[in-house]
Amino acid sequence: MIRYRGVLRGVELFLLLATTLGLAAVFGLAIAHAFNADVTKCASRGAVDSRTGLILAGVALGGFACGRLVAVGRKWVNDAPVIRDQDRVRTGGPLQGALAAFLALAAVLLGYETYALTNSASAPPITEYVRCAAATSPTLTGIAAFAVALLIGNWLWYPTE
């Protein structure tokens, strides 16, 4: 069983690297689509039909559920102790710095969304950008929604026991 855990750790590292490169590729595609996008599709409120929105919501929920499965698998592969029984933090400085940067970015984005919703005449809310992305490239938007929801599900729904 111990030999298999070493192999599984190698598979885990490969998948983490592949996911990182995949997300970088999706980000690059999103930038390319943004430069070539037809923004006239986004001008109307009905740019995204309800079916596309429901499909994207289902994809995001599926990503969140897969995040739980990934978290359970990571806990099993790394034979991690129960979180509440740990005396110290096991993550390194770069990971903690990345988490702090992510939380700071989330706070800035929430602040912008609040400002945009109260002053929608001067600044469009973030949901307008998501709606435009879904109208321009629903497949790319679905991939990004799945990846983000998977990461959030892995982080928030990590097993405690």
N, C-alpha and C. Protein backbone atom coordinates (compact mmCIF):
# COMPACT_ATOMS: atom_id res chain seq x y z
N MET A 1 0.83 -1.20 0.00
CA MET A 1 0.00 0.00 0.00
C MET A 1 0.87 1.26 0.00
N ILE A 2 2.01 1.21 0.72
CA ILE A 2 2.89 2.37 0.79
C ILE A 2 3.47 2.67 -0.59
N ARG A 3 3.82 1.61 -1.37
CA ARG A 3 4.37 1.84 -2.71
C ARG A 3 3.37 2.58 -3.59
N TYR A 4 2.11 2.20 -3.47
CA TYR A 4 1.08 2.83 -4.29
C TYR A 4 0.91 4.30 -3.93
N ARG A 5 1.08 4.64 -2.67
CA ARG A 5 0.95 6.05 -2.28
C ARG A 5 2.03 6.90 -2.91
N GLY A 6 3.24 6.36 -3.04
CA GLY A 6 4.31 7.09 -3.72
C GLY A 6 3.98 7.34 -5.19
N VAL A 7 3.43 6.32 -5.84
CA VAL A 7 3.01 6.47 -7.24
C VAL A 7 1.88 7.48 -7.32
N LEU A 8 0.93 7.38 -6.40
CA LEU A 8 -0.20 8.30 -6.41
C LEU A 8 0.24 9.74 -6.14
N ARG A 9 1.26 9.93 -5.32
CA ARG A 9 1.79 11.28 -5.11
C ARG A 9 2.40 11.83 -6.39
N GLY A 10 3.08 10.98 -7.13
CA GLY A 10 3.61 11.40 -8.42
C GLY A 10 2.50 11.76 -9.39
N VAL A 11 1.44 10.97 -9.40
CA VAL A 11 0.28 11.27 -10.25
C VAL A 11 -0.35 12.58 -9.81
N GLU A 12 -0.44 12.79 -8.48
CA GLU A 12 -1.01 14.04 -7.97
C GLU A 12 -0.18 15.24 -8.42
N LEU A 13 1.14 15.15 -8.32
CA LEU A 13 2.00 16.25 -8.76
C LEU A 13 1.85 16.50 -10.26
N PHE A 14 1.76 15.42 -11.05
CA PHE A 14 1.56 15.57 -12.48
C PHE A 14 0.24 16.27 -12.78
N LEU A 15 -0.82 15.85 -12.10
CA LEU A 15 -2.13 16.47 -12.32
C LEU A 15 -2.15 17.93 -11.89
N LEU A 16 -1.46 18.25 -10.79
CA LEU A 16 -1.38 19.65 -10.37
C LEU A 16 -0.65 20.49 -11.41
N LEU A 17 0.44 19.96 -11.95
CA LEU A 17 1.18 20.67 -12.99
C LEU A 17 0.34 20.81 -14.25
N ALA A 18 -0.34 19.73 -14.65
CA ALA A 18 -1.19 19.79 -15.84
C ALA A 18 -2.34 20.77 -15.64
N THR A 19 -2.92 20.81 -14.45
CA THR A 19 -4.00 21.74 -14.16
C THR A 19 -3.49 23.18 -14.23
N THR A 20 -2.32 23.41 -13.68
CA THR A 20 -1.75 24.76 -13.72
C THR A 20 -1.51 25.20 -15.17
N LEU A 21 -0.92 24.33 -15.96
CA LEU A 21 -0.68 24.66 -17.37
C LEU A 21 -1.99 24.80 -18.13
N GLY A 22 -2.98 23.95 -17.81
CA GLY A 22 -4.28 24.04 -18.45
C GLY A 22 -4.99 25.35 -18.14
N LEU A 23 -4.93 25.76 -16.88
CA LEU A 23 -5.55 27.03 -16.50
C LEU A 23 -4.84 28.21 -17.16
N ALA A 24 -3.52 28.12 -17.29
CA ALA A 24 -2.79 29.17 -17.99
C ALA A 24 -3.22 29.22 -19.46
N ALA A 25 -3.42 28.05 -20.07
CA ALA A 25 -3.87 28.01 -21.47
C ALA A 25 -5.28 28.58 -21.60
N VAL A 26 -6.17 28.23 -20.66
CA VAL A 26 -7.54 28.77 -20.69
C VAL A 26 -7.50 30.29 -20.52
N PHE A 27 -6.66 30.77 -19.63
CA PHE A 27 -6.52 32.22 -19.44
C PHE A 27 -6.02 32.88 -20.72
N GLY A 28 -5.05 32.25 -21.39
CA GLY A 28 -4.56 32.79 -22.66
C GLY A 28 -5.64 32.81 -23.73
N LEU A 29 -6.43 31.72 -23.80
CA LEU A 29 -7.54 31.69 -24.75
C LEU A 29 -8.57 32.77 -24.44
N ALA A 30 -8.83 32.97 -23.16
CA ALA A 30 -9.79 34.01 -22.76
C ALA A 30 -9.31 35.39 -23.18
N ILE A 31 -8.03 35.64 -23.02
CA ILE A 31 -7.46 36.93 -23.45
C ILE A 31 -7.59 37.08 -24.97
N ALA A 32 -7.27 36.00 -25.70
CA ALA A 32 -7.38 36.05 -27.17
C ALA A 32 -8.83 36.27 -27.59
N HIS A 33 -9.77 35.60 -26.93
CA HIS A 33 -11.18 35.79 -27.25
C HIS A 33 -11.63 37.21 -26.91
N ALA A 34 -11.09 37.76 -25.83
CA ALA A 34 -11.47 39.12 -25.44
C ALA A 34 -11.06 40.13 -26.50
N PHE A 35 -9.88 39.93 -27.10
CA PHE A 35 -9.44 40.86 -28.14
C PHE A 35 -10.24 40.70 -29.42
N ASN A 36 -10.71 39.49 -29.69
CA ASN A 36 -11.44 39.23 -30.93
C ASN A 36 -12.95 39.14 -30.73
N ALA A 37 -13.44 39.48 -29.55
CA ALA A 37 -14.86 39.31 -29.24
C ALA A 37 -15.72 40.36 -29.96
N ASP A 38 -16.93 39.96 -30.24
CA ASP A 38 -17.92 40.87 -30.82
C ASP A 38 -18.74 41.44 -29.66
N VAL A 39 -18.36 42.62 -29.21
CA VAL A 39 -19.01 43.19 -28.03
C VAL A 39 -20.44 43.62 -28.30
N THR A 40 -20.84 43.66 -29.55
CA THR A 40 -22.23 44.02 -29.84
C THR A 40 -23.19 42.93 -29.35
N LYS A 41 -22.71 41.68 -29.22
CA LYS A 41 -23.54 40.61 -28.68
C LYS A 41 -23.89 40.87 -27.22
N CYS A 42 -23.06 41.61 -26.54
CA CYS A 42 -23.24 41.82 -25.11
C CYS A 42 -24.10 43.04 -24.80
N ALA A 43 -24.44 43.81 -25.81
CA ALA A 43 -25.18 45.05 -25.56
C ALA A 43 -26.59 44.81 -25.06
N SER A 44 -27.22 43.73 -25.49
CA SER A 44 -28.60 43.49 -25.07
C SER A 44 -28.63 42.62 -23.83
N ARG A 45 -29.67 42.77 -23.05
CA ARG A 45 -29.84 41.98 -21.83
C ARG A 45 -30.04 40.50 -22.14
N GLY A 46 -30.60 40.19 -23.29
CA GLY A 46 -30.88 38.81 -23.64
C GLY A 46 -29.77 38.14 -24.42
N ALA A 47 -28.53 38.56 -24.22
CA ALA A 47 -27.42 37.99 -24.97
C ALA A 47 -27.21 36.51 -24.63
N VAL A 48 -27.52 36.12 -23.42
CA VAL A 48 -27.38 34.73 -23.00
C VAL A 48 -28.76 34.21 -22.69
N ASP A 49 -29.15 33.13 -23.36
CA ASP A 49 -30.47 32.58 -23.08
C ASP A 49 -30.44 31.78 -21.78
N SER A 50 -31.61 31.48 -21.26
CA SER A 50 -31.70 30.83 -19.97
C SER A 50 -31.12 29.42 -20.00
N ARG A 51 -31.18 28.74 -21.15
CA ARG A 51 -30.63 27.40 -21.23
C ARG A 51 -29.11 27.41 -21.03
N THR A 52 -28.44 28.35 -21.64
CA THR A 52 -26.99 28.46 -21.48
C THR A 52 -26.63 28.76 -20.03
N GLY A 53 -27.39 29.65 -19.41
CA GLY A 53 -27.14 29.95 -18.00
C GLY A 53 -27.33 28.75 -17.10
N LEU A 54 -28.37 27.95 -17.35
CA LEU A 54 -28.61 26.75 -16.55
C LEU A 54 -27.50 25.72 -16.76
N ILE A 55 -27.06 25.58 -18.00
CA ILE A 55 -25.98 24.63 -18.27
C ILE A 55 -24.70 25.07 -17.56
N LEU A 56 -24.38 26.37 -17.63
CA LEU A 56 -23.18 26.86 -16.95
C LEU A 56 -23.29 26.70 -15.43
N ALA A 57 -24.49 26.91 -14.88
CA ALA A 57 -24.68 26.70 -13.44
C ALA A 57 -24.47 25.24 -13.08
N GLY A 58 -24.99 24.33 -13.91
CA GLY A 58 -24.78 22.90 -13.67
C GLY A 58 -23.32 22.51 -13.76
N VAL A 59 -22.61 23.08 -14.73
CA VAL A 59 -21.18 22.81 -14.88
C VAL A 59 -20.43 23.29 -13.64
N ALA A 60 -20.78 24.48 -13.14
CA ALA A 60 -20.11 25.01 -11.95
C ALA A 60 -20.41 24.15 -10.72
N LEU A 61 -21.66 23.71 -10.57
CA LEU A 61 -22.00 22.83 -9.43
C LEU A 61 -21.27 21.49 -9.55
N GLY A 62 -21.16 20.98 -10.77
CA GLY A 62 -20.39 19.75 -10.98
C GLY A 62 -18.92 19.93 -10.61
N GLY A 63 -18.37 21.08 -10.96
CA GLY A 63 -16.98 21.38 -10.59
C GLY A 63 -16.80 21.46 -9.09
N PHE A 64 -17.79 22.04 -8.40
CA PHE A 64 -17.73 22.14 -6.94
C PHE A 64 -17.75 20.74 -6.32
N ALA A 65 -18.63 19.86 -6.82
CA ALA A 65 -18.71 18.49 -6.31
C ALA A 65 -17.42 17.73 -6.61
N CYS A 66 -16.85 17.93 -7.80
CA CYS A 66 -15.57 17.29 -8.13
C CYS A 66 -14.45 17.81 -7.23
N GLY A 67 -14.55 19.06 -6.80
CA GLY A 67 -13.57 19.61 -5.87
C GLY A 67 -13.56 18.84 -4.56
N ARG A 68 -14.74 18.43 -4.10
CA ARG A 68 -14.82 17.61 -2.88
C ARG A 68 -14.13 16.26 -3.11
N LEU A 69 -14.39 15.64 -4.27
CA LEU A 69 -13.75 14.36 -4.56
C LEU A 69 -12.24 14.49 -4.65
N VAL A 70 -11.77 15.57 -5.25
CA VAL A 70 -10.33 15.81 -5.33
C VAL A 70 -9.75 16.00 -3.93
N ALA A 71 -10.45 16.73 -3.07
CA ALA A 71 -9.97 16.95 -1.71
C ALA A 71 -9.88 15.65 -0.93
N VAL A 72 -10.89 14.80 -1.06
CA VAL A 72 -10.86 13.50 -0.38
C VAL A 72 -9.71 12.66 -0.90
N GLY A 73 -9.51 12.66 -2.22
CA GLY A 73 -8.39 11.93 -2.79
C GLY A 73 -7.04 12.45 -2.33
N ARG A 74 -6.89 13.76 -2.29
CA ARG A 74 -5.62 14.35 -1.83
C ARG A 74 -5.35 14.00 -0.37
N LYS A 75 -6.40 14.03 0.46
CA LYS A 75 -6.23 13.69 1.88
C LYS A 75 -5.80 12.24 2.02
N TRP A 76 -6.41 11.35 1.23
CA TRP A 76 -6.07 9.93 1.31
C TRP A 76 -4.65 9.67 0.79
N VAL A 77 -4.30 10.26 -0.36
CA VAL A 77 -2.98 10.04 -0.95
C VAL A 77 -1.88 10.53 -0.02
N ASN A 78 -2.06 11.69 0.57
CA ASN A 78 -1.03 12.26 1.43
C ASN A 78 -1.11 11.78 2.86
N ASP A 79 -2.09 10.92 3.17
CA ASP A 79 -2.28 10.40 4.52
C ASP A 79 -2.25 11.52 5.54
N ALA A 80 -3.01 12.57 5.23
CA ALA A 80 -3.01 13.78 6.06
C ALA A 80 -3.76 13.54 7.37
N PRO A 81 -3.24 14.09 8.47
CA PRO A 81 -3.96 13.95 9.74
C PRO A 81 -5.22 14.83 9.73
N VAL A 82 -6.09 14.55 10.68
CA VAL A 82 -7.30 15.34 10.82
C VAL A 82 -6.92 16.80 11.05
N ILE A 83 -7.56 17.72 10.36
CA ILE A 83 -7.18 19.13 10.41
C ILE A 83 -7.26 19.69 11.83
N ARG A 84 -8.32 19.38 12.52
CA ARG A 84 -8.50 19.99 13.84
C ARG A 84 -7.54 19.43 14.89
N ASP A 85 -6.82 18.33 14.58
CA ASP A 85 -5.86 17.77 15.52
C ASP A 85 -4.43 18.24 15.27
N GLN A 86 -4.21 19.11 14.31
CA GLN A 86 -2.87 19.56 14.00
C GLN A 86 -2.47 20.71 14.92
N ASP A 87 -1.20 20.67 15.36
CA ASP A 87 -0.69 21.72 16.23
C ASP A 87 -0.10 22.90 15.46
N ARG A 88 0.28 22.68 14.21
CA ARG A 88 0.92 23.74 13.45
C ARG A 88 0.41 23.73 12.02
N VAL A 89 0.67 24.82 11.33
CA VAL A 89 0.29 24.95 9.93
C VAL A 89 1.33 24.23 9.10
N ARG A 90 0.88 23.38 8.15
CA ARG A 90 1.81 22.58 7.35
C ARG A 90 2.12 23.21 6.00
N THR A 91 1.53 24.33 5.67
CA THR A 91 1.79 24.94 4.38
C THR A 91 2.99 25.87 4.46
N GLY A 92 3.67 26.01 3.35
CA GLY A 92 4.85 26.85 3.30
C GLY A 92 4.50 28.31 3.08
N GLY A 93 5.50 29.15 3.18
CA GLY A 93 5.33 30.59 3.02
C GLY A 93 4.77 31.01 1.67
N PRO A 94 5.27 30.45 0.54
CA PRO A 94 4.72 30.86 -0.76
C PRO A 94 3.23 30.54 -0.89
N LEU A 95 2.81 29.38 -0.39
CA LEU A 95 1.40 29.03 -0.48
C LEU A 95 0.55 29.95 0.40
N GLN A 96 1.05 30.26 1.58
CA GLN A 96 0.31 31.19 2.44
C GLN A 96 0.27 32.59 1.82
N GLY A 97 1.34 33.01 1.16
CA GLY A 97 1.35 34.30 0.47
C GLY A 97 0.36 34.32 -0.69
N ALA A 98 0.29 33.21 -1.44
CA ALA A 98 -0.66 33.12 -2.54
C ALA A 98 -2.10 33.17 -2.02
N LEU A 99 -2.35 32.50 -0.90
CA LEU A 99 -3.68 32.54 -0.30
C LEU A 99 -4.03 33.95 0.16
N ALA A 100 -3.08 34.63 0.78
CA ALA A 100 -3.33 36.01 1.21
C ALA A 100 -3.59 36.92 0.00
N ALA A 101 -2.84 36.73 -1.08
CA ALA A 101 -3.07 37.53 -2.29
C ALA A 101 -4.44 37.22 -2.88
N PHE A 102 -4.83 35.95 -2.89
CA PHE A 102 -6.15 35.57 -3.40
C PHE A 102 -7.25 36.22 -2.57
N LEU A 103 -7.12 36.18 -1.25
CA LEU A 103 -8.14 36.78 -0.39
C LEU A 103 -8.19 38.31 -0.56
N ALA A 104 -7.03 38.92 -0.74
CA ALA A 104 -7.01 40.37 -0.97
C ALA A 104 -7.67 40.70 -2.32
N LEU A 105 -7.38 39.91 -3.35
CA LEU A 105 -8.01 40.12 -4.65
C LEU A 105 -9.52 39.92 -4.55
N ALA A 106 -9.96 38.88 -3.82
CA ALA A 106 -11.40 38.65 -3.64
C ALA A 106 -12.06 39.83 -2.94
N ALA A 107 -11.38 40.40 -1.95
CA ALA A 107 -11.94 41.55 -1.25
C ALA A 107 -12.05 42.76 -2.17
N VAL A 108 -11.03 42.98 -3.00
CA VAL A 108 -11.07 44.09 -3.96
C VAL A 108 -12.20 43.89 -4.97
N LEU A 109 -12.35 42.66 -5.48
CA LEU A 109 -13.41 42.39 -6.44
C LEU A 109 -14.80 42.53 -5.81
N LEU A 110 -14.95 42.10 -4.57
CA LEU A 110 -16.23 42.29 -3.89
C LEU A 110 -16.51 43.78 -3.66
N GLY A 111 -15.47 44.54 -3.34
CA GLY A 111 -15.65 45.98 -3.20
C GLY A 111 -16.06 46.62 -4.51
N TYR A 112 -15.41 46.20 -5.61
CA TYR A 112 -15.78 46.74 -6.93
C TYR A 112 -17.21 46.35 -7.28
N GLU A 113 -17.60 45.11 -7.02
CA GLU A 113 -18.96 44.66 -7.34
C GLU A 113 -19.98 45.48 -6.55
N THR A 114 -19.68 45.75 -5.28
CA THR A 114 -20.58 46.56 -4.46
C THR A 114 -20.70 47.97 -5.04
N TYR A 115 -19.56 48.56 -5.39
CA TYR A 115 -19.57 49.90 -5.99
C TYR A 115 -20.34 49.90 -7.30
N ALA A 116 -20.09 48.88 -8.14
CA ALA A 116 -20.74 48.83 -9.45
C ALA A 116 -22.25 48.63 -9.33
N LEU A 117 -22.69 47.87 -8.36
CA LEU A 117 -24.12 47.66 -8.20
C LEU A 117 -24.82 48.90 -7.66
N THR A 118 -24.13 49.68 -6.86
CA THR A 118 -24.74 50.92 -6.36
C THR A 118 -24.64 52.07 -7.36
N ASN A 119 -23.64 52.03 -8.24
CA ASN A 119 -23.42 53.08 -9.24
C ASN A 119 -23.33 52.45 -10.63
N SER A 120 -24.34 51.71 -11.04
CA SER A 120 -24.25 50.96 -12.29
C SER A 120 -24.15 51.87 -13.52
N ALA A 121 -24.48 53.14 -13.38
CA ALA A 121 -24.38 54.05 -14.53
C ALA A 121 -22.92 54.34 -14.88
N SER A 122 -22.03 54.31 -13.88
CA SER A 122 -20.64 54.66 -14.16
C SER A 122 -19.70 53.45 -14.25
N ALA A 123 -20.10 52.31 -13.71
CA ALA A 123 -19.24 51.14 -13.75
C ALA A 123 -20.09 49.88 -13.90
N PRO A 124 -19.82 49.06 -14.91
CA PRO A 124 -20.61 47.82 -15.06
C PRO A 124 -20.18 46.79 -14.01
N PRO A 125 -21.13 46.05 -13.45
CA PRO A 125 -20.77 45.02 -12.48
C PRO A 125 -20.05 43.84 -13.14
N ILE A 126 -19.39 43.04 -12.35
CA ILE A 126 -18.64 41.90 -12.86
C ILE A 126 -19.56 40.93 -13.59
N THR A 127 -20.79 40.81 -13.14
CA THR A 127 -21.72 39.89 -13.80
C THR A 127 -21.94 40.25 -15.26
N GLU A 128 -21.79 41.51 -15.62
CA GLU A 128 -21.91 41.90 -17.04
C GLU A 128 -20.78 41.29 -17.86
N TYR A 129 -19.58 41.24 -17.28
CA TYR A 129 -18.45 40.64 -17.98
C TYR A 129 -18.65 39.13 -18.14
N VAL A 130 -19.19 38.48 -17.10
CA VAL A 130 -19.45 37.05 -17.17
C VAL A 130 -20.54 36.77 -18.20
N ARG A 131 -21.58 37.57 -18.21
CA ARG A 131 -22.65 37.41 -19.19
C ARG A 131 -22.09 37.58 -20.61
N CYS A 132 -21.24 38.55 -20.81
CA CYS A 132 -20.64 38.77 -22.13
C CYS A 132 -19.75 37.60 -22.52
N ALA A 133 -18.98 37.06 -21.58
CA ALA A 133 -18.14 35.90 -21.86
C ALA A 133 -18.98 34.70 -22.24
N ALA A 134 -20.11 34.50 -21.55
CA ALA A 134 -21.00 33.37 -21.85
C ALA A 134 -21.64 33.53 -23.22
N ALA A 135 -21.94 34.76 -23.62
CA ALA A 135 -22.53 35.00 -24.93
C ALA A 135 -21.50 34.82 -26.05
N THR A 136 -20.26 35.22 -25.79
CA THR A 136 -19.21 35.16 -26.80
C THR A 136 -18.65 33.75 -26.96
N SER A 137 -18.34 33.08 -25.85
CA SER A 137 -17.76 31.74 -25.91
C SER A 137 -18.26 30.91 -24.73
N PRO A 138 -19.42 30.26 -24.87
CA PRO A 138 -19.96 29.49 -23.76
C PRO A 138 -19.08 28.30 -23.35
N THR A 139 -18.39 27.69 -24.30
CA THR A 139 -17.53 26.55 -23.96
C THR A 139 -16.37 26.98 -23.09
N LEU A 140 -15.70 28.04 -23.47
CA LEU A 140 -14.58 28.54 -22.67
C LEU A 140 -15.06 29.02 -21.30
N THR A 141 -16.22 29.64 -21.26
CA THR A 141 -16.79 30.08 -19.99
C THR A 141 -17.11 28.87 -19.11
N GLY A 142 -17.62 27.80 -19.70
CA GLY A 142 -17.92 26.58 -18.94
C GLY A 142 -16.66 25.95 -18.37
N ILE A 143 -15.59 25.91 -19.17
CA ILE A 143 -14.33 25.35 -18.69
C ILE A 143 -13.80 26.18 -17.53
N ALA A 144 -13.84 27.49 -17.67
CA ALA A 144 -13.36 28.36 -16.59
C ALA A 144 -14.23 28.23 -15.35
N ALA A 145 -15.55 28.14 -15.52
CA ALA A 145 -16.46 27.99 -14.38
C ALA A 145 -16.20 26.68 -13.67
N PHE A 146 -15.99 25.60 -14.42
CA PHE A 146 -15.70 24.30 -13.82
C PHE A 146 -14.40 24.35 -13.03
N ALA A 147 -13.34 24.93 -13.63
CA ALA A 147 -12.04 24.97 -12.97
C ALA A 147 -12.09 25.81 -11.69
N VAL A 148 -12.72 26.96 -11.76
CA VAL A 148 -12.81 27.81 -10.56
C VAL A 148 -13.65 27.13 -9.48
N ALA A 149 -14.77 26.52 -9.86
CA ALA A 149 -15.62 25.85 -8.88
C ALA A 149 -14.90 24.64 -8.28
N LEU A 150 -14.10 23.92 -9.10
CA LEU A 150 -13.33 22.80 -8.57
C LEU A 150 -12.34 23.27 -7.52
N LEU A 151 -11.63 24.34 -7.81
CA LEU A 151 -10.67 24.86 -6.83
C LEU A 151 -11.35 25.32 -5.56
N ILE A 152 -12.49 25.99 -5.70
CA ILE A 152 -13.22 26.45 -4.51
C ILE A 152 -13.77 25.26 -3.73
N GLY A 153 -14.31 24.25 -4.42
CA GLY A 153 -14.81 23.06 -3.74
C GLY A 153 -13.70 22.30 -3.02
N ASN A 154 -12.53 22.23 -3.65
CA ASN A 154 -11.39 21.57 -3.03
C ASN A 154 -10.94 22.30 -1.78
N TRP A 155 -11.01 23.62 -1.82
CA TRP A 155 -10.55 24.43 -0.70
C TRP A 155 -11.59 24.48 0.42
N LEU A 156 -12.84 24.75 0.09
CA LEU A 156 -13.86 24.92 1.12
C LEU A 156 -14.44 23.61 1.65
N TRP A 157 -14.42 22.55 0.85
CA TRP A 157 -15.10 21.32 1.22
C TRP A 157 -14.11 20.22 1.55
N TYR A 158 -12.93 20.60 2.05
CA TYR A 158 -11.90 19.62 2.41
C TYR A 158 -12.40 18.81 3.60
N PRO A 159 -12.19 17.49 3.60
CA PRO A 159 -12.72 16.67 4.71
C PRO A 159 -12.04 17.00 6.04
N THR A 160 -12.84 17.10 7.07
CA THR A 160 -12.29 17.43 8.39
C THR A 160 -11.93 16.21 9.20
N GLU A 161 -12.40 15.07 8.80
CA GLU A 161 -12.07 13.83 9.55
C GLU A 161 -11.52 12.78 8.65
